[in-house]
Amino acid sequence: QFGGHADGCYNLLEVALKETREESGLNQFDILSDKIFDLDIHHIPKRENEPSHLHFDVRFIFATTRGAEKIAISNESHNVAWIHINDVLNKNPEKSIARMLKKTKNNYAS
């Protein structure tokens, strides 16, 4: 999952598109829906210069053809790779990932 901060931009889909391009190097993908696909709200503990707060991950769903473009990992990305949909939870077992995987399989996977 790619992401970043909106930094004052109110068009969250545009932010998601920009971050996906920057962090993956991919430019050829389809927006499967312009609606928010998932919203994850989680607590961020207090840090040196930042109070504790709730963080909102607003997620959209895009699709691309595996191998259509080469992944270009940026300095913001780590270990980006193509994996089979059935291996997603082996790589990242977080509840929010499981929730998105279920939505994807129920609504988009063929």
C-alpha atoms as a PDB file:
ATOM      1  CA  GLN A   1       0.000   0.000   0.000  1.00  0.00           C
ATOM      2  CA  PHE A   2       1.418   3.344  -1.020  1.00  0.00           C
ATOM      3  CA  GLY A   3       0.624   6.536   0.790  1.00  0.00           C
ATOM      4  CA  GLY A   4       1.497   9.953   2.002  1.00  0.00           C
ATOM      5  CA  HIS A   5       0.094  13.021   3.629  1.00  0.00           C
ATOM      6  CA  ALA A   6      -2.437  15.239   1.885  1.00  0.00           C
ATOM      7  CA  ASP A   7      -0.516  18.349   2.988  1.00  0.00           C
ATOM      8  CA  GLY A   8      -3.526  20.624   2.566  1.00  0.00           C
ATOM      9  CA  CYS A   9      -4.834  19.072  -0.657  1.00  0.00           C
ATOM     10  CA  TYR A  10      -8.533  18.278  -0.309  1.00  0.00           C
ATOM     11  CA  ASN A  11      -8.686  15.972  -3.341  1.00  0.00           C
ATOM     12  CA  LEU A  12      -7.621  12.742  -1.654  1.00  0.00           C
ATOM     13  CA  LEU A  13      -7.922  10.698  -4.854  1.00  0.00           C
ATOM     14  CA  GLU A  14      -5.373  12.997  -6.518  1.00  0.00           C
ATOM     15  CA  VAL A  15      -3.082  12.599  -3.504  1.00  0.00           C
ATOM     16  CA  ALA A  16      -3.407   8.803  -3.733  1.00  0.00           C
ATOM     17  CA  LEU A  17      -2.640   8.845  -7.471  1.00  0.00           C
ATOM     18  CA  LYS A  18       0.404  11.066  -6.953  1.00  0.00           C
ATOM     19  CA  GLU A  19       1.763   8.917  -4.124  1.00  0.00           C
ATOM     20  CA  THR A  20       1.180   5.689  -6.053  1.00  0.00           C
ATOM     21  CA  ARG A  21       3.102   7.044  -9.041  1.00  0.00           C
ATOM     22  CA  GLU A  22       5.934   8.402  -6.899  1.00  0.00           C
ATOM     23  CA  GLU A  23       6.360   5.331  -4.715  1.00  0.00           C
ATOM     24  CA  SER A  24       5.914   2.613  -7.347  1.00  0.00           C
ATOM     25  CA  GLY A  25       7.105   4.197 -10.571  1.00  0.00           C
ATOM     26  CA  LEU A  26       3.905   2.910 -12.184  1.00  0.00           C
ATOM     27  CA  ASN A  27       1.890   5.233 -14.417  1.00  0.00           C
ATOM     28  CA  GLN A  28      -0.410   2.814 -16.223  1.00  0.00           C
ATOM     29  CA  PHE A  29      -3.203   1.821 -13.885  1.00  0.00           C
ATOM     30  CA  ASP A  30      -6.960   2.044 -13.697  1.00  0.00           C
ATOM     31  CA  ILE A  31      -8.943   3.745 -10.971  1.00  0.00           C
ATOM     32  CA  LEU A  32     -11.452   1.026 -10.045  1.00  0.00           C
ATOM     33  CA  SER A  33     -13.550   3.503  -8.081  1.00  0.00           C
ATOM     34  CA  ASP A  34     -13.289   7.185  -7.292  1.00  0.00           C
ATOM     35  CA  LYS A  35     -14.971   6.459  -3.969  1.00  0.00           C
ATOM     36  CA  ILE A  36     -12.983   5.762  -0.808  1.00  0.00           C
ATOM     37  CA  PHE A  37     -12.249   2.027  -0.752  1.00  0.00           C
ATOM     38  CA  ASP A  38     -11.234   1.786   2.898  1.00  0.00           C
ATOM     39  CA  LEU A  39     -10.666   4.026   5.892  1.00  0.00           C
ATOM     40  CA  ASP A  40      -8.350   2.910   8.664  1.00  0.00           C
ATOM     41  CA  ILE A  41      -8.215   4.997  11.830  1.00  0.00           C
ATOM     42  CA  HIS A  42      -5.490   4.194  14.306  1.00  0.00           C
ATOM     43  CA  HIS A  43      -3.736   5.788  17.251  1.00  0.00           C
ATOM     44  CA  ILE A  44      -0.294   7.331  16.863  1.00  0.00           C
ATOM     45  CA  PRO A  45       1.513   7.607  20.201  1.00  0.00           C
ATOM     46  CA  LYS A  46       3.131  10.826  21.376  1.00  0.00           C
ATOM     47  CA  ARG A  47       6.499  11.539  19.806  1.00  0.00           C
ATOM     48  CA  GLU A  48       9.192  14.060  20.594  1.00  0.00           C
ATOM     49  CA  ASN A  49       7.570  16.973  18.730  1.00  0.00           C
ATOM     50  CA  GLU A  50       4.095  15.581  18.180  1.00  0.00           C
ATOM     51  CA  PRO A  51       1.226  14.840  20.565  1.00  0.00           C
ATOM     52  CA  SER A  52      -0.603  11.515  20.439  1.00  0.00           C
ATOM     53  CA  HIS A  53      -3.390  11.607  17.867  1.00  0.00           C
ATOM     54  CA  LEU A  54      -5.667   9.610  15.619  1.00  0.00           C
ATOM     55  CA  HIS A  55      -4.329   8.963  12.130  1.00  0.00           C
ATOM     56  CA  PHE A  56      -6.651   8.456   9.163  1.00  0.00           C
ATOM     57  CA  ASP A  57      -5.494   6.229   6.284  1.00  0.00           C
ATOM     58  CA  VAL A  58      -7.840   6.966   3.381  1.00  0.00           C
ATOM     59  CA  ARG A  59      -7.467   4.237   0.764  1.00  0.00           C
ATOM     60  CA  PHE A  60      -8.485   3.944  -2.878  1.00  0.00           C
ATOM     61  CA  ILE A  61      -8.276   0.904  -5.146  1.00  0.00           C
ATOM     62  CA  PHE A  62      -6.348   0.868  -8.428  1.00  0.00           C
ATOM     63  CA  ALA A  63      -5.503  -1.961 -10.822  1.00  0.00           C
ATOM     64  CA  THR A  64      -2.694  -2.559 -13.267  1.00  0.00           C
ATOM     65  CA  THR A  65      -1.408  -5.414 -15.381  1.00  0.00           C
ATOM     66  CA  ARG A  66       1.477  -7.245 -13.778  1.00  0.00           C
ATOM     67  CA  GLY A  67       4.613  -6.642 -15.785  1.00  0.00           C
ATOM     68  CA  ALA A  68       3.119  -3.894 -17.967  1.00  0.00           C
ATOM     69  CA  GLU A  69       5.621  -1.539 -16.383  1.00  0.00           C
ATOM     70  CA  LYS A  70       8.701  -2.080 -14.291  1.00  0.00           C
ATOM     71  CA  ILE A  71       8.335  -1.203 -10.615  1.00  0.00           C
ATOM     72  CA  ALA A  72      10.697   1.617  -9.693  1.00  0.00           C
ATOM     73  CA  ILE A  73      11.139   1.621  -5.936  1.00  0.00           C
ATOM     74  CA  SER A  74      11.555   5.108  -4.496  1.00  0.00           C
ATOM     75  CA  ASN A  75      13.302   6.131  -1.301  1.00  0.00           C
ATOM     76  CA  GLU A  76       9.826   6.135   0.325  1.00  0.00           C
ATOM     77  CA  SER A  77       9.094   2.508  -0.585  1.00  0.00           C
ATOM     78  CA  HIS A  78      10.480  -0.712   0.805  1.00  0.00           C
ATOM     79  CA  ASN A  79      10.324  -4.198  -0.652  1.00  0.00           C
ATOM     80  CA  VAL A  80       7.721  -3.542  -3.365  1.00  0.00           C
ATOM     81  CA  ALA A  81       6.966  -6.670  -5.379  1.00  0.00           C
ATOM     82  CA  TRP A  82       4.221  -8.447  -7.300  1.00  0.00           C
ATOM     83  CA  ILE A  83       2.611 -11.158  -5.202  1.00  0.00           C
ATOM     84  CA  HIS A  84      -0.361 -13.442  -5.705  1.00  0.00           C
ATOM     85  CA  ILE A  85      -3.550 -12.222  -4.032  1.00  0.00           C
ATOM     86  CA  ASN A  86      -3.602 -15.376  -1.884  1.00  0.00           C
ATOM     87  CA  ASP A  87      -0.174 -14.486  -0.449  1.00  0.00           C
ATOM     88  CA  VAL A  88      -1.066 -10.978   0.723  1.00  0.00           C
ATOM     89  CA  LEU A  89      -1.701 -11.898   4.359  1.00  0.00           C
ATOM     90  CA  ASN A  90       1.538 -13.900   4.501  1.00  0.00           C
ATOM     91  CA  LYS A  91       3.380 -10.659   3.728  1.00  0.00           C
ATOM     92  CA  ASN A  92       1.238  -8.388   5.898  1.00  0.00           C
ATOM     93  CA  PRO A  93      -1.258  -9.925   8.347  1.00  0.00           C
ATOM     94  CA  GLU A  94      -2.619  -6.621   9.725  1.00  0.00           C
ATOM     95  CA  LYS A  95      -6.392  -6.461  10.275  1.00  0.00           C
ATOM     96  CA  SER A  96      -6.816  -3.526   7.910  1.00  0.00           C
ATOM     97  CA  ILE A  97      -5.025  -5.414   5.133  1.00  0.00           C
ATOM     98  CA  ALA A  98      -7.245  -8.459   5.727  1.00  0.00           C
ATOM     99  CA  ARG A  99     -10.303  -6.205   5.549  1.00  0.00           C
ATOM    100  CA  MET A 100      -9.182  -4.708   2.217  1.00  0.00           C
ATOM    101  CA  LEU A 101      -8.297  -8.131   0.852  1.00  0.00           C
ATOM    102  CA  LYS A 102     -11.792  -9.400   1.646  1.00  0.00           C
ATOM    103  CA  LYS A 103     -13.381  -6.362  -0.044  1.00  0.00           C
ATOM    104  CA  THR A 104     -11.155  -6.846  -3.078  1.00  0.00           C
ATOM    105  CA  LYS A 105     -11.984 -10.529  -3.430  1.00  0.00           C
ATOM    106  CA  ASN A 106     -15.711  -9.888  -2.932  1.00  0.00           C
ATOM    107  CA  ASN A 107     -15.974  -6.955  -5.316  1.00  0.00           C
ATOM    108  CA  TYR A 108     -13.119  -6.970  -7.833  1.00  0.00           C
ATOM    109  CA  ALA A 109     -11.362 -10.340  -8.142  1.00  0.00           C
ATOM    110  CA  SER A 110     -12.421 -12.595 -10.965  1.00  0.00           C
END
